[in-house]
Amino acid sequence: MHNMLHHTKYIFKRLSDAQVVDLASYLKEKEAVGNRIYIGCDSQNIGEWTHYALAIVIHKNTQGGHVLYHKYKVPRIKNSFDRLWMEVDESVRLAFYLKEQHIAVAEYIDIDLNPDPLYKSNAVFRAALGYVTAMGFKARFKPNAHAASSCADYVLH
């Protein structure tokens, strides 16, 4: 299995203008005024690469919100279980990073997996749900994982 985000350098950009932000100061400021934070990840195989997008959605109660993203690629991961599992693992790693650095606490980790056994992402679903909750975070999944996972999907396409 590949170790992707085992680096410690996150480079997040605002979706609205692609400007790089200082993640710590940006999220501390946004969380201080009562915004909620959601994390999600999506991936796509393109040619010889697997592209990942991590998204942080900063939700302002009734006033919408905005998105930060971090994109990177790794050599193609052919096994879909491993590729999907890494989406979940990357989200958990980011949530831990934010918490351990006293930057922010994610309200939910959105996992882009389907609980319906008819979908292939279901093979990862139960393990992923157990992993996220065992690590002390709350998970949302299809069809309710729309915030961060949809934003990550948008960044990839």
Protein backbone atom coordinates (compact mmCIF):
# COMPACT_ATOMS: atom_id res chain seq x y z
CA MET A 1 0.00 0.00 0.00
CA HIS A 2 1.20 3.50 -0.83
CA ASN A 3 2.08 6.10 1.78
CA MET A 4 0.85 9.33 0.30
CA LEU A 5 0.30 12.08 2.73
CA HIS A 6 2.88 10.95 5.20
CA HIS A 7 4.63 14.18 4.42
CA THR A 8 4.00 17.01 6.84
CA LYS A 9 3.68 19.87 4.36
CA TYR A 10 0.14 20.70 3.40
CA ILE A 11 -0.32 23.38 0.77
CA PHE A 12 -3.96 24.44 0.79
CA LYS A 13 -5.54 26.84 -1.66
CA ARG A 14 -8.88 28.61 -1.63
CA LEU A 15 -11.23 27.18 -4.23
CA SER A 16 -12.57 30.63 -5.06
CA ASP A 17 -9.28 32.13 -6.27
CA ALA A 18 -6.59 29.38 -5.99
CA GLN A 19 -4.63 31.54 -3.52
CA VAL A 20 -2.37 29.61 -1.13
CA VAL A 21 -3.43 30.16 2.49
CA ASP A 22 -1.63 29.76 5.79
CA LEU A 23 -3.79 26.90 7.01
CA ALA A 24 -3.26 27.48 10.75
CA SER A 25 -4.13 31.16 10.88
CA TYR A 26 -6.88 30.86 8.28
CA LEU A 27 -8.77 28.06 10.05
CA LYS A 28 -8.26 29.47 13.54
CA GLU A 29 -9.79 32.74 12.39
CA LYS A 30 -12.72 31.00 10.68
CA GLU A 31 -13.40 28.58 13.53
CA ALA A 32 -13.29 31.39 16.10
CA VAL A 33 -16.39 32.97 14.58
CA GLY A 34 -18.49 29.82 14.84
CA ASN A 35 -17.93 28.17 11.47
CA ARG A 36 -18.09 24.40 11.20
CA ILE A 37 -15.34 22.40 9.51
CA TYR A 38 -15.77 19.29 7.37
CA ILE A 39 -13.02 17.24 5.75
CA GLY A 40 -13.22 14.96 2.72
CA CYS A 41 -11.06 13.39 0.06
CA ASP A 42 -11.59 12.04 -3.43
CA SER A 43 -9.33 10.31 -5.90
CA GLN A 44 -9.20 9.49 -9.58
CA ASN A 45 -6.90 7.36 -11.70
CA ILE A 46 -5.63 9.22 -14.75
CA GLY A 47 -3.04 7.49 -16.88
CA GLU A 48 -0.11 6.34 -14.75
CA TRP A 49 -1.16 8.46 -11.76
CA THR A 50 -3.69 8.46 -8.97
CA HIS A 51 -4.77 12.02 -8.25
CA TYR A 52 -6.03 12.96 -4.78
CA ALA A 53 -7.83 16.06 -3.58
CA LEU A 54 -8.31 16.78 0.11
CA ALA A 55 -10.98 19.36 0.87
CA ILE A 56 -11.75 21.39 3.95
CA VAL A 57 -15.20 22.95 3.89
CA ILE A 58 -15.71 25.90 6.19
CA HIS A 59 -19.46 26.18 6.69
CA LYS A 60 -21.04 29.42 7.85
CA ASN A 61 -24.37 28.52 9.43
CA THR A 62 -26.86 30.29 7.15
CA GLN A 63 -24.42 32.17 4.95
CA GLY A 64 -22.95 29.32 2.88
CA GLY A 65 -19.27 28.63 3.20
CA HIS A 66 -16.05 28.17 1.33
CA VAL A 67 -13.52 25.52 0.46
CA LEU A 68 -9.79 24.95 0.84
CA TYR A 69 -8.11 22.16 -1.11
CA HIS A 70 -4.82 20.31 -1.37
CA LYS A 71 -4.08 18.30 -4.53
CA TYR A 72 -1.33 15.82 -5.22
CA LYS A 73 -0.66 12.69 -7.24
CA VAL A 74 1.08 9.38 -6.65
CA PRO A 75 1.95 6.48 -8.93
CA ARG A 76 -1.27 4.77 -10.02
CA ILE A 77 -2.97 2.64 -7.37
CA LYS A 78 -4.63 -0.14 -9.35
CA ASN A 79 -6.48 -1.80 -6.49
CA SER A 80 -9.71 0.13 -5.90
CA PHE A 81 -9.93 -0.95 -2.24
CA ASP A 82 -6.49 0.54 -1.53
CA ARG A 83 -7.26 3.73 -3.46
CA LEU A 84 -10.57 4.26 -1.64
CA TRP A 85 -9.09 3.33 1.73
CA MET A 86 -6.41 5.98 1.26
CA GLU A 87 -9.12 8.61 0.72
CA VAL A 88 -10.41 7.83 4.19
CA ASP A 89 -6.94 7.57 5.71
CA GLU A 90 -5.90 10.92 4.23
CA SER A 91 -8.99 12.58 5.71
CA VAL A 92 -8.31 11.09 9.14
CA ARG A 93 -4.64 12.13 8.96
CA LEU A 94 -5.64 15.68 8.10
CA ALA A 95 -8.20 15.79 10.92
CA PHE A 96 -5.53 14.57 13.35
CA TYR A 97 -3.04 17.11 12.06
CA LEU A 98 -5.53 19.97 12.57
CA LYS A 99 -6.41 18.74 16.04
CA GLU A 100 -2.84 18.00 17.20
CA GLN A 101 -1.59 21.37 15.98
CA HIS A 102 -4.49 23.05 17.82
CA ILE A 103 -5.63 24.54 14.54
CA ALA A 104 -9.23 23.31 14.32
CA VAL A 105 -11.50 20.38 15.04
CA ALA A 106 -13.42 18.80 12.18
CA GLU A 107 -17.11 18.40 12.90
CA TYR A 108 -17.35 15.57 10.37
CA ILE A 109 -15.18 13.55 8.06
CA ASP A 110 -17.14 13.00 4.87
CA ILE A 111 -16.39 9.60 3.38
CA ASP A 112 -17.21 9.13 -0.28
CA LEU A 113 -18.34 5.54 0.09
CA ASN A 114 -21.71 3.94 -0.43
CA PRO A 115 -23.40 1.87 2.30
CA ASP A 116 -25.40 0.04 -0.39
CA PRO A 117 -23.87 -3.42 -1.06
CA LEU A 118 -24.60 -2.99 -4.79
CA TYR A 119 -21.79 -0.43 -5.10
CA LYS A 120 -18.13 -1.41 -5.17
CA SER A 121 -17.17 1.26 -2.62
CA ASN A 122 -19.26 -0.71 -0.11
CA ALA A 123 -16.36 -3.16 0.31
CA VAL A 124 -14.44 -0.38 2.07
CA PHE A 125 -17.45 1.20 3.80
CA ARG A 126 -17.69 -0.77 7.06
CA ALA A 127 -13.95 -0.73 7.72
CA ALA A 128 -13.77 2.99 6.95
CA LEU A 129 -16.71 3.86 9.18
CA GLY A 130 -15.17 1.87 12.04
CA TYR A 131 -11.78 3.49 11.49
CA VAL A 132 -13.09 7.07 11.49
CA THR A 133 -15.16 6.57 14.64
CA ALA A 134 -12.41 4.61 16.42
CA MET A 135 -10.08 7.57 15.82
CA GLY A 136 -12.56 9.82 17.63
CA PHE A 137 -14.20 11.57 14.68
CA LYS A 138 -17.75 11.58 13.37
CA ALA A 139 -18.31 10.29 9.84
CA ARG A 140 -20.87 11.15 7.22
CA PHE A 141 -21.34 9.00 4.14
CA LYS A 142 -23.41 8.85 0.96
CA PRO A 143 -25.87 10.42 0.46
CA ASN A 144 -25.06 12.77 3.38
CA ALA A 145 -21.32 13.21 2.75
CA HIS A 146 -22.00 15.91 0.24
CA ALA A 147 -20.01 18.81 1.64
CA ALA A 148 -16.34 17.89 1.63
CA SER A 149 -16.45 14.85 -0.66
CA SER A 150 -18.35 16.74 -3.37
CA CYS A 151 -15.87 19.61 -3.16
CA ALA A 152 -12.93 17.21 -3.44
CA ASP A 153 -14.61 15.61 -6.46
CA TYR A 154 -15.08 19.06 -8.02
CA VAL A 155 -11.38 19.90 -7.53
CA LEU A 156 -10.36 16.70 -9.34
CA HIS A 157 -12.58 17.31 -12.37
